[in-house]
Amino acid sequence: MRYQIKYKVWLEKDGEIIIGLGREKLLKEIQKQGSISKAAKELGISYKKAWSYLKAMEERIGAKLVETRRGGAKGGGAVLTEEAQKLLKEFEKLVKRFEGVKKRAENNG
């Protein structure tokens, strides 16, 4: 019998989520769009929700994840901090490890 294994991966601290697949997408979209509001729109979530995810993540890891610039003639913007880049890289490594385990289990099952 062929089957497919499903799983969810996230990191948490004191029972509170730091990053999971949705928050990873948010950070990557901010990086791509250069804007929290554009990233939120692209992901189909409100700006307020995106901002609340970012604030919660920052509080839980104790570091700033996004640097923002206020609007003006050229408009505002947002860039990921070095800490956010590290968090993304570590999370991506973790997800790849789980994918490897999943593939081995499916192939041996």
Protein backbone atom coordinates (compact mmCIF):
# COMPACT_ATOMS: atom_id res chain seq x y z
CA MET A 1 0.00 0.00 0.00
CA ARG A 2 1.33 3.44 -0.94
CA TYR A 3 0.73 6.17 1.55
CA GLN A 4 1.77 9.74 2.08
CA ILE A 5 3.08 11.02 5.38
CA LYS A 6 1.94 14.47 6.47
CA TYR A 7 3.48 16.58 9.20
CA LYS A 8 3.79 20.13 10.48
CA VAL A 9 6.98 21.65 11.77
CA TRP A 10 7.36 24.73 13.92
CA LEU A 11 9.70 26.12 16.54
CA GLU A 12 8.33 27.36 19.81
CA LYS A 13 9.53 28.85 23.05
CA ASP A 14 7.64 28.36 26.31
CA GLY A 15 4.71 26.88 24.38
CA GLU A 16 4.46 29.87 22.00
CA ILE A 17 5.15 29.56 18.27
CA ILE A 18 8.21 31.39 17.00
CA ILE A 19 8.12 30.21 13.39
CA GLY A 20 6.20 27.68 11.33
CA LEU A 21 5.50 27.33 7.63
CA GLY A 22 3.10 30.31 7.53
CA ARG A 23 5.46 32.67 9.33
CA GLU A 24 8.32 31.43 7.17
CA LYS A 25 6.25 32.37 4.09
CA LEU A 26 5.61 35.80 5.59
CA LEU A 27 9.31 36.49 6.16
CA LYS A 28 10.22 35.26 2.68
CA GLU A 29 7.49 37.39 1.11
CA ILE A 30 8.66 40.49 3.03
CA GLN A 31 12.15 39.79 1.71
CA LYS A 32 10.81 39.43 -1.84
CA GLN A 33 8.40 42.40 -1.78
CA GLY A 34 10.43 44.77 0.39
CA SER A 35 7.20 45.64 2.19
CA ILE A 36 5.10 44.19 5.00
CA SER A 37 1.83 45.42 3.46
CA LYS A 38 2.65 43.99 0.01
CA ALA A 39 3.72 40.69 1.60
CA ALA A 40 0.49 40.51 3.60
CA LYS A 41 -1.58 41.26 0.50
CA GLU A 42 0.27 38.59 -1.50
CA LEU A 43 -0.38 36.02 1.25
CA GLY A 44 -4.03 37.01 1.65
CA ILE A 45 -3.73 38.18 5.25
CA SER A 46 -4.33 41.60 6.76
CA TYR A 47 -1.47 43.99 7.45
CA LYS A 48 -2.52 43.92 11.11
CA LYS A 49 -2.21 40.11 11.24
CA ALA A 50 1.21 40.18 9.52
CA TRP A 51 2.40 42.84 11.96
CA SER A 52 1.11 40.85 14.96
CA TYR A 53 2.97 37.73 13.74
CA LEU A 54 6.18 39.73 13.38
CA LYS A 55 5.86 41.35 16.81
CA ALA A 56 5.14 37.99 18.47
CA MET A 57 8.13 36.38 16.74
CA GLU A 58 10.42 39.25 17.78
CA GLU A 59 9.24 39.11 21.40
CA ARG A 60 9.76 35.35 21.58
CA ILE A 61 13.28 35.35 20.21
CA GLY A 62 14.26 38.68 21.74
CA ALA A 63 15.52 40.22 18.51
CA LYS A 64 14.32 42.50 15.75
CA LEU A 65 13.43 40.61 12.56
CA VAL A 66 12.37 43.41 10.23
CA GLU A 67 13.74 46.92 9.75
CA THR A 68 11.13 49.32 8.40
CA ARG A 69 11.38 52.70 6.72
CA ARG A 70 8.55 55.19 6.82
CA GLY A 71 6.83 56.24 3.64
CA GLY A 72 7.64 59.43 1.83
CA ALA A 73 8.37 60.46 -1.74
CA LYS A 74 9.87 57.05 -2.46
CA GLY A 75 7.52 55.16 -0.14
CA GLY A 76 8.39 53.05 2.87
CA GLY A 77 9.76 49.59 2.95
CA ALA A 78 10.94 46.67 5.01
CA VAL A 79 14.02 44.48 5.00
CA LEU A 80 14.86 41.38 7.02
CA THR A 81 17.52 41.73 9.68
CA GLU A 82 20.50 39.41 9.97
CA GLU A 83 18.67 37.66 12.82
CA ALA A 84 15.67 36.99 10.55
CA GLN A 85 17.99 35.62 7.86
CA LYS A 86 19.53 33.24 10.42
CA LEU A 87 16.12 32.14 11.68
CA LEU A 88 14.94 31.41 8.13
CA LYS A 89 18.09 29.46 7.32
CA GLU A 90 17.81 27.33 10.47
CA PHE A 91 14.11 26.68 9.91
CA GLU A 92 14.72 25.70 6.27
CA LYS A 93 17.44 23.25 7.39
CA LEU A 94 15.03 21.72 9.90
CA VAL A 95 12.26 21.34 7.31
CA LYS A 96 14.70 19.68 4.87
CA ARG A 97 15.68 17.16 7.55
CA PHE A 98 12.02 16.31 8.17
CA GLU A 99 11.47 15.97 4.41
CA GLY A 100 14.36 13.49 4.26
CA VAL A 101 12.89 11.42 7.08
CA LYS A 102 9.47 11.53 5.41
CA LYS A 103 10.84 10.33 2.06
CA ARG A 104 12.79 7.49 3.66
CA ALA A 105 9.73 6.39 5.63
CA GLU A 106 7.50 6.48 2.54
CA ASN A 107 10.02 4.55 0.46
CA ASN A 108 10.54 1.90 3.13
CA GLY A 109 6.87 1.60 4.02
